[in-house]
PDB file of N, CA and C in Angstrom:
ATOM      1  N   UNK A   1       7.613   9.758 -28.830  1.00  0.00           N
ATOM      2  CA  UNK A   1       7.034   8.827 -27.884  1.00  0.00           C
ATOM      3  C   UNK A   1       7.092   9.448 -26.483  1.00  0.00           C
ATOM      4  N   UNK A   2       6.018   9.311 -25.737  1.00  0.00           N
ATOM      5  CA  UNK A   2       5.925   9.880 -24.391  1.00  0.00           C
ATOM      6  C   UNK A   2       6.696   9.024 -23.390  1.00  0.00           C
ATOM      7  N   UNK A   3       7.452   9.660 -22.529  1.00  0.00           N
ATOM      8  CA  UNK A   3       8.203   8.957 -21.499  1.00  0.00           C
ATOM      9  C   UNK A   3       7.276   8.644 -20.331  1.00  0.00           C
ATOM     10  N   UNK A   4       7.031   7.357 -20.066  1.00  0.00           N
ATOM     11  CA  UNK A   4       6.087   6.937 -19.031  1.00  0.00           C
ATOM     12  C   UNK A   4       6.554   7.327 -17.633  1.00  0.00           C
ATOM     13  N   UNK A   5       7.846   7.489 -17.432  1.00  0.00           N
ATOM     14  CA  UNK A   5       8.339   7.886 -16.115  1.00  0.00           C
ATOM     15  C   UNK A   5       7.833   9.263 -15.735  1.00  0.00           C
ATOM     16  N   UNK A   6       7.574  10.118 -16.719  1.00  0.00           N
ATOM     17  CA  UNK A   6       7.088  11.464 -16.438  1.00  0.00           C
ATOM     18  C   UNK A   6       5.600  11.484 -16.108  1.00  0.00           C
ATOM     19  N   UNK A   7       4.855  10.453 -16.488  1.00  0.00           N
ATOM     20  CA  UNK A   7       3.412  10.450 -16.262  1.00  0.00           C
ATOM     21  C   UNK A   7       3.009   9.667 -15.023  1.00  0.00           C
ATOM     22  N   UNK A   8       3.920   8.909 -14.423  1.00  0.00           N
ATOM     23  CA  UNK A   8       3.623   8.108 -13.240  1.00  0.00           C
ATOM     24  C   UNK A   8       3.684   9.005 -12.006  1.00  0.00           C
ATOM     25  N   UNK A   9       2.598   9.079 -11.270  1.00  0.00           N
ATOM     26  CA  UNK A   9       2.517   9.952 -10.105  1.00  0.00           C
ATOM     27  C   UNK A   9       2.910   9.176  -8.856  1.00  0.00           C
ATOM     28  N   UNK A  10       3.838   9.731  -8.089  1.00  0.00           N
ATOM     29  CA  UNK A  10       4.262   9.121  -6.834  1.00  0.00           C
ATOM     30  C   UNK A  10       3.779   9.998  -5.689  1.00  0.00           C
ATOM     31  N   UNK A  11       2.894   9.452  -4.891  1.00  0.00           N
ATOM     32  CA  UNK A  11       2.363  10.153  -3.719  1.00  0.00           C
ATOM     33  C   UNK A  11       2.234   9.116  -2.603  1.00  0.00           C
ATOM     34  N   UNK A  12       3.283   8.991  -1.793  1.00  0.00           N
ATOM     35  CA  UNK A  12       3.339   7.943  -0.784  1.00  0.00           C
ATOM     36  C   UNK A  12       2.694   8.380   0.523  1.00  0.00           C
ATOM     37  N   UNK A  13       2.061   7.409   1.191  1.00  0.00           N
ATOM     38  CA  UNK A  13       1.474   7.599   2.513  1.00  0.00           C
ATOM     39  C   UNK A  13       1.952   6.453   3.419  1.00  0.00           C
ATOM     40  N   UNK A  14       2.229   6.771   4.656  1.00  0.00           N
ATOM     41  CA  UNK A  14       2.591   5.759   5.643  1.00  0.00           C
ATOM     42  C   UNK A  14       1.318   5.131   6.188  1.00  0.00           C
ATOM     43  N   UNK A  15       1.304   3.793   6.265  1.00  0.00           N
ATOM     44  CA  UNK A  15       0.126   3.080   6.772  1.00  0.00           C
ATOM     45  C   UNK A  15       0.543   1.890   7.616  1.00  0.00           C
ATOM     46  N   UNK A  16      -0.392   1.410   8.429  1.00  0.00           N
ATOM     47  CA  UNK A  16      -0.268   0.129   9.116  1.00  0.00           C
ATOM     48  C   UNK A  16      -1.367  -0.765   8.568  1.00  0.00           C
ATOM     49  N   UNK A  17      -1.003  -1.992   8.231  1.00  0.00           N
ATOM     50  CA  UNK A  17      -1.959  -2.966   7.700  1.00  0.00           C
ATOM     51  C   UNK A  17      -2.033  -4.146   8.667  1.00  0.00           C
ATOM     52  N   UNK A  18      -3.227  -4.530   9.059  1.00  0.00           N
ATOM     53  CA  UNK A  18      -3.453  -5.739   9.872  1.00  0.00           C
ATOM     54  C   UNK A  18      -3.995  -6.797   8.931  1.00  0.00           C
ATOM     55  N   UNK A  19      -3.305  -7.937   8.842  1.00  0.00           N
ATOM     56  CA  UNK A  19      -3.727  -9.006   7.942  1.00  0.00           C
ATOM     57  C   UNK A  19      -4.504 -10.080   8.699  1.00  0.00           C
ATOM     58  N   UNK A  20      -5.167 -10.926   7.951  1.00  0.00           N
ATOM     59  CA  UNK A  20      -6.020 -11.963   8.545  1.00  0.00           C
ATOM     60  C   UNK A  20      -5.239 -12.991   9.361  1.00  0.00           C
ATOM     61  N   UNK A  21      -3.918 -13.087   9.153  1.00  0.00           N
ATOM     62  CA  UNK A  21      -3.115 -14.007   9.967  1.00  0.00           C
ATOM     63  C   UNK A  21      -2.598 -13.342  11.234  1.00  0.00           C
ATOM     64  N   UNK A  22      -3.004 -12.087  11.479  1.00  0.00           N
ATOM     65  CA  UNK A  22      -2.628 -11.371  12.695  1.00  0.00           C
ATOM     66  C   UNK A  22      -1.388 -10.517  12.573  1.00  0.00           C
ATOM     67  N   UNK A  23      -0.771 -10.459  11.402  1.00  0.00           N
ATOM     68  CA  UNK A  23       0.441  -9.661  11.215  1.00  0.00           C
ATOM     69  C   UNK A  23       0.106  -8.174  11.138  1.00  0.00           C
ATOM     70  N   UNK A  24       0.987  -7.364  11.720  1.00  0.00           N
ATOM     71  CA  UNK A  24       0.921  -5.914  11.578  1.00  0.00           C
ATOM     72  C   UNK A  24       2.073  -5.494  10.679  1.00  0.00           C
ATOM     73  N   UNK A  25       1.762  -4.817   9.587  1.00  0.00           N
ATOM     74  CA  UNK A  25       2.770  -4.391   8.616  1.00  0.00           C
ATOM     75  C   UNK A  25       2.787  -2.875   8.563  1.00  0.00           C
ATOM     76  N   UNK A  26       3.935  -2.279   8.802  1.00  0.00           N
ATOM     77  CA  UNK A  26       4.104  -0.829   8.732  1.00  0.00           C
ATOM     78  C   UNK A  26       4.893  -0.536   7.474  1.00  0.00           C
ATOM     79  N   UNK A  27       4.365   0.330   6.621  1.00  0.00           N
ATOM     80  CA  UNK A  27       5.063   0.638   5.378  1.00  0.00           C
ATOM     81  C   UNK A  27       4.467   1.813   4.654  1.00  0.00           C
ATOM     82  N   UNK A  28       4.858   1.965   3.402  1.00  0.00           N
ATOM     83  CA  UNK A  28       4.405   3.074   2.563  1.00  0.00           C
ATOM     84  C   UNK A  28       3.611   2.531   1.388  1.00  0.00           C
ATOM     85  N   UNK A  29       2.546   3.245   1.046  1.00  0.00           N
ATOM     86  CA  UNK A  29       1.733   2.881  -0.112  1.00  0.00           C
ATOM     87  C   UNK A  29       1.643   4.103  -1.021  1.00  0.00           C
ATOM     88  N   UNK A  30       1.739   3.853  -2.327  1.00  0.00           N
ATOM     89  CA  UNK A  30       1.634   4.942  -3.298  1.00  0.00           C
ATOM     90  C   UNK A  30       0.162   5.113  -3.677  1.00  0.00           C
ATOM     91  N   UNK A  31      -0.420   6.261  -3.318  1.00  0.00           N
ATOM     92  CA  UNK A  31      -1.817   6.498  -3.681  1.00  0.00           C
ATOM     93  C   UNK A  31      -1.931   7.119  -5.070  1.00  0.00           C
ATOM     94  N   UNK A  32      -0.794   7.510  -5.655  1.00  0.00           N
ATOM     95  CA  UNK A  32      -0.794   8.050  -7.021  1.00  0.00           C
ATOM     96  C   UNK A  32      -1.688   9.263  -7.157  1.00  0.00           C
ATOM     97  N   UNK A  33      -2.649   9.182  -8.074  1.00  0.00           N
ATOM     98  CA  UNK A  33      -3.543  10.318  -8.317  1.00  0.00           C
ATOM     99  C   UNK A  33      -4.825  10.241  -7.489  1.00  0.00           C
ATOM    100  N   UNK A  34      -4.894   9.315  -6.545  1.00  0.00           N
ATOM    101  CA  UNK A  34      -6.074   9.185  -5.688  1.00  0.00           C
ATOM    102  C   UNK A  34      -6.061  10.275  -4.619  1.00  0.00           C
ATOM    103  N   UNK A  35      -7.206  10.562  -4.044  1.00  0.00           N
ATOM    104  CA  UNK A  35      -7.326  11.563  -2.995  1.00  0.00           C
ATOM    105  C   UNK A  35      -6.930  11.025  -1.625  1.00  0.00           C
ATOM    106  N   UNK A  36      -7.306   9.758  -1.363  1.00  0.00           N
ATOM    107  CA  UNK A  36      -7.129   9.180  -0.034  1.00  0.00           C
ATOM    108  C   UNK A  36      -6.632   7.744  -0.135  1.00  0.00           C
ATOM    109  N   UNK A  37      -6.105   7.232   0.967  1.00  0.00           N
ATOM    110  CA  UNK A  37      -5.685   5.832   1.031  1.00  0.00           C
ATOM    111  C   UNK A  37      -6.879   4.922   0.768  1.00  0.00           C
ATOM    112  N   UNK A  38      -8.027   5.266   1.319  1.00  0.00           N
ATOM    113  CA  UNK A  38      -9.214   4.416   1.166  1.00  0.00           C
ATOM    114  C   UNK A  38      -9.640   4.256  -0.295  1.00  0.00           C
ATOM    115  N   UNK A  39      -9.291   5.210  -1.157  1.00  0.00           N
ATOM    116  CA  UNK A  39      -9.634   5.106  -2.579  1.00  0.00           C
ATOM    117  C   UNK A  39      -8.978   3.889  -3.235  1.00  0.00           C
ATOM    118  N   UNK A  40      -7.820   3.468  -2.728  1.00  0.00           N
ATOM    119  CA  UNK A  40      -7.154   2.281  -3.285  1.00  0.00           C
ATOM    120  C   UNK A  40      -7.949   1.013  -3.015  1.00  0.00           C
ATOM    121  N   UNK A  41      -8.786   1.045  -1.997  1.00  0.00           N
ATOM    122  CA  UNK A  41      -9.578  -0.124  -1.638  1.00  0.00           C
ATOM    123  C   UNK A  41     -10.986  -0.072  -2.218  1.00  0.00           C
ATOM    124  N   UNK A  42     -11.497   1.121  -2.483  1.00  0.00           N
ATOM    125  CA  UNK A  42     -12.884   1.254  -2.932  1.00  0.00           C
ATOM    126  C   UNK A  42     -13.024   1.651  -4.395  1.00  0.00           C
ATOM    127  N   UNK A  43     -12.010   2.258  -4.969  1.00  0.00           N
ATOM    128  CA  UNK A  43     -12.135   2.780  -6.337  1.00  0.00           C
ATOM    129  C   UNK A  43     -11.195   2.123  -7.341  1.00  0.00           C
ATOM    130  N   UNK A  44     -10.593   1.009  -6.965  1.00  0.00           N
ATOM    131  CA  UNK A  44      -9.757   0.255  -7.902  1.00  0.00           C
ATOM    132  C   UNK A  44     -10.172  -1.209  -7.858  1.00  0.00           C
ATOM    133  N   UNK A  45      -9.990  -1.878  -8.972  1.00  0.00           N
ATOM    134  CA  UNK A  45     -10.359  -3.292  -9.051  1.00  0.00           C
ATOM    135  C   UNK A  45      -9.181  -4.227  -8.858  1.00  0.00           C
ATOM    136  N   UNK A  46      -7.980  -3.683  -8.750  1.00  0.00           N
ATOM    137  CA  UNK A  46      -6.799  -4.513  -8.550  1.00  0.00           C
ATOM    138  C   UNK A  46      -6.926  -5.250  -7.219  1.00  0.00           C
ATOM    139  N   UNK A  47      -6.761  -6.573  -7.203  1.00  0.00           N
ATOM    140  CA  UNK A  47      -6.930  -7.331  -5.963  1.00  0.00           C
ATOM    141  C   UNK A  47      -5.749  -7.212  -4.996  1.00  0.00           C
ATOM    142  N   UNK A  48      -4.675  -6.519  -5.391  1.00  0.00           N
ATOM    143  CA  UNK A  48      -3.495  -6.395  -4.548  1.00  0.00           C
ATOM    144  C   UNK A  48      -3.149  -4.939  -4.286  1.00  0.00           C
ATOM    145  N   UNK A  49      -2.511  -4.702  -3.132  1.00  0.00           N
ATOM    146  CA  UNK A  49      -1.860  -3.427  -2.878  1.00  0.00           C
ATOM    147  C   UNK A  49      -0.367  -3.700  -2.790  1.00  0.00           C
ATOM    148  N   UNK A  50       0.432  -2.687  -3.066  1.00  0.00           N
ATOM    149  CA  UNK A  50       1.885  -2.820  -2.973  1.00  0.00           C
ATOM    150  C   UNK A  50       2.347  -1.950  -1.817  1.00  0.00           C
ATOM    151  N   UNK A  51       2.995  -2.573  -0.862  1.00  0.00           N
ATOM    152  CA  UNK A  51       3.495  -1.890   0.319  1.00  0.00           C
ATOM    153  C   UNK A  51       5.017  -1.904   0.253  1.00  0.00           C
ATOM    154  N   UNK A  52       5.657  -0.741   0.366  1.00  0.00           N
ATOM    155  CA  UNK A  52       7.116  -0.668   0.291  1.00  0.00           C
ATOM    156  C   UNK A  52       7.698  -0.215   1.625  1.00  0.00           C
ATOM    157  N   UNK A  53       8.995  -0.391   1.783  1.00  0.00           N
ATOM    158  CA  UNK A  53       9.701  -0.068   3.032  1.00  0.00           C
ATOM    159  C   UNK A  53       8.994  -0.683   4.232  1.00  0.00           C
ATOM    160  N   UNK A  54       8.606  -1.938   4.100  1.00  0.00           N
ATOM    161  CA  UNK A  54       7.801  -2.622   5.111  1.00  0.00           C
ATOM    162  C   UNK A  54       8.643  -3.029   6.313  1.00  0.00           C
ATOM    163  N   UNK A  55       8.092  -2.787   7.490  1.00  0.00           N
ATOM    164  CA  UNK A  55       8.668  -3.275   8.744  1.00  0.00           C
ATOM    165  C   UNK A  55       7.677  -4.246   9.360  1.00  0.00           C
ATOM    166  N   UNK A  56       8.169  -5.425   9.689  1.00  0.00           N
ATOM    167  CA  UNK A  56       7.349  -6.419  10.387  1.00  0.00           C
ATOM    168  C   UNK A  56       8.277  -7.408  11.073  1.00  0.00           C
ATOM    169  N   UNK A  57       7.731  -8.420  11.689  1.00  0.00           N
ATOM    170  CA  UNK A  57       8.523  -9.338  12.511  1.00  0.00           C
ATOM    171  C   UNK A  57       9.648 -10.042  11.756  1.00  0.00           C
ATOM    172  N   UNK A  58       9.535 -10.198  10.439  1.00  0.00           N
ATOM    173  CA  UNK A  58      10.542 -10.905   9.655  1.00  0.00           C
ATOM    174  C   UNK A  58      11.610  -9.993   9.065  1.00  0.00           C
ATOM    175  N   UNK A  59      11.582  -8.708   9.389  1.00  0.00           N
ATOM    176  CA  UNK A  59      12.602  -7.804   8.880  1.00  0.00           C
ATOM    177  C   UNK A  59      12.034  -6.474   8.450  1.00  0.00           C
ATOM    178  N   UNK A  60      12.860  -5.697   7.785  1.00  0.00           N
ATOM    179  CA  UNK A  60      12.412  -4.380   7.332  1.00  0.00           C
ATOM    180  C   UNK A  60      12.997  -4.064   5.962  1.00  0.00           C
ATOM    181  N   UNK A  61      12.411  -3.051   5.317  1.00  0.00           N
ATOM    182  CA  UNK A  61      12.889  -2.610   4.015  1.00  0.00           C
ATOM    183  C   UNK A  61      12.388  -3.429   2.845  1.00  0.00           C
ATOM    184  N   UNK A  62      11.422  -4.296   3.078  1.00  0.00           N
ATOM    185  CA  UNK A  62      10.919  -5.169   2.015  1.00  0.00           C
ATOM    186  C   UNK A  62       9.791  -4.505   1.232  1.00  0.00           C
ATOM    187  N   UNK A  63       9.503  -5.068   0.066  1.00  0.00           N
ATOM    188  CA  UNK A  63       8.336  -4.693  -0.732  1.00  0.00           C
ATOM    189  C   UNK A  63       7.397  -5.895  -0.737  1.00  0.00           C
ATOM    190  N   UNK A  64       6.133  -5.675  -0.361  1.00  0.00           N
ATOM    191  CA  UNK A  64       5.166  -6.768  -0.311  1.00  0.00           C
ATOM    192  C   UNK A  64       3.963  -6.462  -1.194  1.00  0.00           C
ATOM    193  N   UNK A  65       3.474  -7.482  -1.872  1.00  0.00           N
ATOM    194  CA  UNK A  65       2.222  -7.421  -2.609  1.00  0.00           C
ATOM    195  C   UNK A  65       1.199  -8.132  -1.738  1.00  0.00           C
ATOM    196  N   UNK A  66       0.177  -7.422  -1.293  1.00  0.00           N
ATOM    197  CA  UNK A  66      -0.770  -7.974  -0.330  1.00  0.00           C
ATOM    198  C   UNK A  66      -2.147  -8.088  -0.969  1.00  0.00           C
ATOM    199  N   UNK A  67      -2.726  -9.278  -0.890  1.00  0.00           N
ATOM    200  CA  UNK A  67      -4.070  -9.503  -1.407  1.00  0.00           C
ATOM    201  C   UNK A  67      -5.069  -8.784  -0.508  1.00  0.00           C
ATOM    202  N   UNK A  68      -5.915  -7.946  -1.095  1.00  0.00           N
ATOM    203  CA  UNK A  68      -6.890  -7.167  -0.323  1.00  0.00           C
ATOM    204  C   UNK A  68      -7.844  -8.062   0.468  1.00  0.00           C
ATOM    205  N   UNK A  69      -8.083  -9.283   0.004  1.00  0.00           N
ATOM    206  CA  UNK A  69      -8.980 -10.195   0.707  1.00  0.00           C
ATOM    207  C   UNK A  69      -8.413 -10.644   2.054  1.00  0.00           C
ATOM    208  N   UNK A  70      -7.123 -10.430   2.283  1.00  0.00           N
ATOM    209  CA  UNK A  70      -6.480 -10.862   3.523  1.00  0.00           C
ATOM    210  C   UNK A  70      -6.175  -9.692   4.459  1.00  0.00           C
ATOM    211  N   UNK A  71      -6.756  -8.533   4.170  1.00  0.00           N
ATOM    212  CA  UNK A  71      -6.562  -7.353   5.012  1.00  0.00           C
ATOM    213  C   UNK A  71      -7.773  -7.191   5.928  1.00  0.00           C
ATOM    214  N   UNK A  72      -7.491  -7.062   7.227  1.00  0.00           N
ATOM    215  CA  UNK A  72      -8.550  -6.853   8.214  1.00  0.00           C
ATOM    216  C   UNK A  72      -8.847  -5.357   8.347  1.00  0.00           C
ATOM    217  N   UNK A  73      -7.776  -4.548   8.494  1.00  0.00           N
ATOM    218  CA  UNK A  73      -7.945  -3.099   8.543  1.00  0.00           C
ATOM    219  C   UNK A  73      -6.655  -2.411   8.124  1.00  0.00           C
ATOM    220  N   UNK A  74      -6.788  -1.118   7.786  1.00  0.00           N
ATOM    221  CA  UNK A  74      -5.655  -0.272   7.413  1.00  0.00           C
ATOM    222  C   UNK A  74      -5.783   1.046   8.167  1.00  0.00           C
ATOM    223  N   UNK A  75      -4.680   1.511   8.724  1.00  0.00           N
ATOM    224  CA  UNK A  75      -4.669   2.789   9.436  1.00  0.00           C
ATOM    225  C   UNK A  75      -3.656   3.721   8.785  1.00  0.00           C
ATOM    226  N   UNK A  76      -4.101   4.864   8.242  1.00  0.00           N
ATOM    227  CA  UNK A  76      -3.151   5.857   7.726  1.00  0.00           C
ATOM    228  C   UNK A  76      -2.345   6.441   8.888  1.00  0.00           C
ATOM    229  N   UNK A  77      -1.059   6.687   8.656  1.00  0.00           N
ATOM    230  CA  UNK A  77      -0.177   7.205   9.709  1.00  0.00           C
ATOM    231  C   UNK A  77       0.217   8.661   9.493  1.00  0.00           C
ATOM    232  N   UNK A  78      -0.223   9.308   8.460  1.00  0.00           N
ATOM    233  CA  UNK A  78       0.161  10.709   8.181  1.00  0.00           C
ATOM    234  C   UNK A  78      -0.718  11.677   8.906  1.00  0.00           C
TER     235      UNK A  78
END
């Protein structure tokens, strides 16, 4: 049996996300086998992104699942 941990690609990028409620979220997103951060928004059908090590007004170090419909813009920080 194949070990799934060996096939999961981790390729993190630092980003800032502006949400529709005006929040700015600074964190890391795993782009996996994608070429760019934008590929997660244009080439996947998953309605959520997962942001880790998030810093925002309510604290830091959190993991957030963010609905793409509530994102105004995303800025890569790398």
